[in-house]
Amino acid sequence: MEGWVRIYKSTNAIDAEMVKAMLIDQGIEAVVINKIDSSYLFGEASVYCKNDDETIALQFIHVNPTESHE
């Protein structure tokens, strides 16, 4: 994903979706790549944003952490 950077990862897909939703509410374009195997429940879900938004997105996540922030 050229031009995008991972800013958050979790073993809980719901946490990743919550982070994505919070970022979008702040006007930051974000996507989730979910690599959690639904049968065996291992892997991780990652949130990506554009390189230009990385600093502000990380600051927002730091100020508004989710329960299982990794």
N, C-alpha and C. Protein backbone atom coordinates (compact mmCIF):
# COMPACT_ATOMS: atom_id res chain seq x y z
N MET A 1 0.84 -1.18 0.00
CA MET A 1 0.00 0.00 0.00
C MET A 1 0.89 1.24 0.00
N GLU A 2 1.32 1.61 -1.16
CA GLU A 2 2.20 2.76 -1.30
C GLU A 2 1.50 4.04 -0.86
N GLY A 3 2.19 4.82 -0.05
CA GLY A 3 1.64 6.07 0.43
C GLY A 3 0.82 5.93 1.71
N TRP A 4 0.74 4.71 2.25
CA TRP A 4 -0.02 4.45 3.47
C TRP A 4 0.92 3.87 4.52
N VAL A 5 0.63 4.10 5.78
CA VAL A 5 1.46 3.62 6.88
C VAL A 5 0.57 2.99 7.95
N ARG A 6 1.07 1.89 8.55
CA ARG A 6 0.33 1.25 9.64
C ARG A 6 0.50 2.08 10.90
N ILE A 7 -0.61 2.41 11.52
CA ILE A 7 -0.56 3.24 12.73
C ILE A 7 -1.11 2.52 13.96
N TYR A 8 -1.73 1.37 13.75
CA TYR A 8 -2.34 0.66 14.87
C TYR A 8 -2.48 -0.81 14.48
N LYS A 9 -2.30 -1.69 15.46
CA LYS A 9 -2.55 -3.12 15.23
C LYS A 9 -3.15 -3.71 16.48
N SER A 10 -3.97 -4.74 16.28
CA SER A 10 -4.63 -5.40 17.40
C SER A 10 -4.98 -6.82 17.00
N THR A 11 -5.09 -7.68 17.98
CA THR A 11 -5.58 -9.03 17.73
C THR A 11 -7.11 -9.04 17.80
N ASN A 12 -7.71 -7.89 18.07
CA ASN A 12 -9.16 -7.74 18.15
C ASN A 12 -9.62 -6.85 17.00
N ALA A 13 -10.34 -7.41 16.04
CA ALA A 13 -10.78 -6.65 14.87
C ALA A 13 -11.72 -5.51 15.24
N ILE A 14 -12.49 -5.69 16.30
CA ILE A 14 -13.42 -4.63 16.72
C ILE A 14 -12.64 -3.39 17.17
N ASP A 15 -11.54 -3.59 17.91
CA ASP A 15 -10.72 -2.45 18.32
C ASP A 15 -10.17 -1.70 17.11
N ALA A 16 -9.71 -2.45 16.11
CA ALA A 16 -9.18 -1.82 14.90
C ALA A 16 -10.28 -1.02 14.19
N GLU A 17 -11.47 -1.57 14.11
CA GLU A 17 -12.58 -0.86 13.48
C GLU A 17 -12.97 0.39 14.27
N MET A 18 -12.88 0.33 15.59
CA MET A 18 -13.17 1.50 16.42
C MET A 18 -12.15 2.61 16.18
N VAL A 19 -10.88 2.24 16.09
CA VAL A 19 -9.83 3.22 15.81
C VAL A 19 -10.08 3.85 14.44
N LYS A 20 -10.37 3.03 13.46
CA LYS A 20 -10.66 3.54 12.11
C LYS A 20 -11.81 4.53 12.15
N ALA A 21 -12.89 4.18 12.84
CA ALA A 21 -14.06 5.06 12.92
C ALA A 21 -13.72 6.38 13.60
N MET A 22 -12.92 6.32 14.68
CA MET A 22 -12.52 7.56 15.37
C MET A 22 -11.70 8.46 14.45
N LEU A 23 -10.80 7.85 13.69
CA LEU A 23 -9.98 8.64 12.78
C LEU A 23 -10.82 9.27 11.68
N ILE A 24 -11.73 8.50 11.11
CA ILE A 24 -12.59 9.02 10.06
C ILE A 24 -13.44 10.17 10.60
N ASP A 25 -13.92 10.06 11.84
CA ASP A 25 -14.68 11.15 12.47
C ASP A 25 -13.86 12.42 12.58
N GLN A 26 -12.54 12.27 12.65
CA GLN A 26 -11.64 13.42 12.75
C GLN A 26 -11.18 13.92 11.38
N GLY A 27 -11.71 13.30 10.32
CA GLY A 27 -11.36 13.72 8.97
C GLY A 27 -10.10 13.07 8.42
N ILE A 28 -9.65 11.99 9.07
CA ILE A 28 -8.44 11.29 8.65
C ILE A 28 -8.88 10.03 7.91
N GLU A 29 -8.48 9.90 6.66
CA GLU A 29 -8.81 8.71 5.88
C GLU A 29 -8.06 7.52 6.45
N ALA A 30 -8.80 6.44 6.74
CA ALA A 30 -8.20 5.26 7.35
C ALA A 30 -8.86 4.00 6.81
N VAL A 31 -8.10 2.91 6.79
CA VAL A 31 -8.61 1.61 6.36
C VAL A 31 -8.11 0.53 7.32
N VAL A 32 -8.86 -0.57 7.40
CA VAL A 32 -8.46 -1.71 8.22
C VAL A 32 -8.12 -2.87 7.29
N ILE A 33 -6.99 -3.49 7.55
CA ILE A 33 -6.61 -4.74 6.89
C ILE A 33 -6.71 -5.81 7.97
N ASN A 34 -7.69 -6.69 7.81
CA ASN A 34 -7.96 -7.71 8.81
C ASN A 34 -7.34 -9.04 8.37
N LYS A 35 -6.33 -9.48 9.09
CA LYS A 35 -5.67 -10.76 8.80
C LYS A 35 -5.87 -11.74 9.95
N ILE A 36 -7.03 -11.64 10.60
CA ILE A 36 -7.36 -12.55 11.69
C ILE A 36 -8.09 -13.75 11.09
N ASP A 37 -7.58 -14.93 11.32
CA ASP A 37 -8.20 -16.15 10.83
C ASP A 37 -9.47 -16.42 11.65
N SER A 38 -10.61 -16.46 11.00
CA SER A 38 -11.88 -16.61 11.71
C SER A 38 -12.08 -18.00 12.30
N SER A 39 -11.40 -19.00 11.79
CA SER A 39 -11.55 -20.36 12.33
C SER A 39 -10.70 -20.58 13.57
N TYR A 40 -9.49 -20.06 13.56
CA TYR A 40 -8.56 -20.33 14.65
C TYR A 40 -8.29 -19.11 15.52
N LEU A 41 -8.81 -17.96 15.12
CA LEU A 41 -8.71 -16.71 15.89
C LEU A 41 -7.27 -16.33 16.23
N PHE A 42 -6.41 -16.34 15.24
CA PHE A 42 -5.07 -15.80 15.41
C PHE A 42 -4.79 -14.85 14.26
N GLY A 43 -3.82 -14.00 14.44
CA GLY A 43 -3.49 -12.98 13.45
C GLY A 43 -3.74 -11.61 14.02
N GLU A 44 -3.78 -10.61 13.15
CA GLU A 44 -4.00 -9.25 13.63
C GLU A 44 -4.73 -8.42 12.60
N ALA A 45 -5.36 -7.39 13.09
CA ALA A 45 -6.02 -6.40 12.23
C ALA A 45 -5.22 -5.12 12.37
N SER A 46 -4.92 -4.48 11.25
CA SER A 46 -4.10 -3.26 11.25
C SER A 46 -4.88 -2.10 10.66
N VAL A 47 -4.65 -0.93 11.22
CA VAL A 47 -5.25 0.30 10.70
C VAL A 47 -4.15 1.08 10.00
N TYR A 48 -4.46 1.52 8.79
CA TYR A 48 -3.53 2.30 7.99
C TYR A 48 -4.13 3.67 7.69
N CYS A 49 -3.25 4.66 7.58
CA CYS A 49 -3.66 5.99 7.12
C CYS A 49 -2.62 6.48 6.13
N LYS A 50 -2.91 7.56 5.47
CA LYS A 50 -1.96 8.12 4.51
C LYS A 50 -0.74 8.67 5.26
N ASN A 51 0.40 8.60 4.60
CA ASN A 51 1.66 9.06 5.22
C ASN A 51 1.54 10.46 5.79
N ASP A 52 0.88 11.35 5.07
CA ASP A 52 0.76 12.75 5.50
C ASP A 52 -0.02 12.90 6.80
N ASP A 53 -0.88 11.94 7.13
CA ASP A 53 -1.71 12.01 8.33
C ASP A 53 -1.15 11.23 9.51
N GLU A 54 0.01 10.61 9.34
CA GLU A 54 0.54 9.72 10.37
C GLU A 54 0.70 10.39 11.73
N THR A 55 1.31 11.54 11.79
CA THR A 55 1.59 12.20 13.06
C THR A 55 0.31 12.55 13.80
N ILE A 56 -0.64 13.17 13.11
CA ILE A 56 -1.89 13.56 13.76
C ILE A 56 -2.70 12.33 14.17
N ALA A 57 -2.68 11.29 13.35
CA ALA A 57 -3.41 10.06 13.68
C ALA A 57 -2.83 9.40 14.92
N LEU A 58 -1.52 9.31 15.01
CA LEU A 58 -0.88 8.71 16.18
C LEU A 58 -1.15 9.52 17.44
N GLN A 59 -1.14 10.84 17.31
CA GLN A 59 -1.46 11.70 18.46
C GLN A 59 -2.89 11.45 18.92
N PHE A 60 -3.81 11.35 17.96
CA PHE A 60 -5.21 11.12 18.31
C PHE A 60 -5.39 9.77 18.99
N ILE A 61 -4.73 8.74 18.48
CA ILE A 61 -4.83 7.41 19.09
C ILE A 61 -4.25 7.43 20.49
N HIS A 62 -3.14 8.14 20.69
CA HIS A 62 -2.50 8.22 22.00
C HIS A 62 -3.43 8.89 23.03
N VAL A 63 -4.14 9.92 22.59
CA VAL A 63 -5.05 10.65 23.48
C VAL A 63 -6.33 9.87 23.72
N ASN A 64 -6.74 9.04 22.77
CA ASN A 64 -8.00 8.27 22.84
C ASN A 64 -7.73 6.77 22.68
N PRO A 65 -7.02 6.15 23.62
CA PRO A 65 -6.67 4.73 23.45
C PRO A 65 -7.89 3.82 23.57
N THR A 66 -7.81 2.65 22.91
CA THR A 66 -8.82 1.61 23.10
C THR A 66 -8.31 0.68 24.19
N GLU A 67 -9.15 -0.23 24.63
CA GLU A 67 -8.77 -1.10 25.75
C GLU A 67 -7.58 -2.00 25.46
N SER A 68 -7.51 -2.57 24.27
CA SER A 68 -6.43 -3.52 23.98
C SER A 68 -5.42 -2.95 23.00
N HIS A 69 -5.10 -1.66 23.14
CA HIS A 69 -4.13 -1.03 22.25
C HIS A 69 -2.80 -1.75 22.37
N GLU A 70 -2.24 -2.11 21.22
CA GLU A 70 -0.96 -2.84 21.22
C GLU A 70 0.13 -1.99 20.60
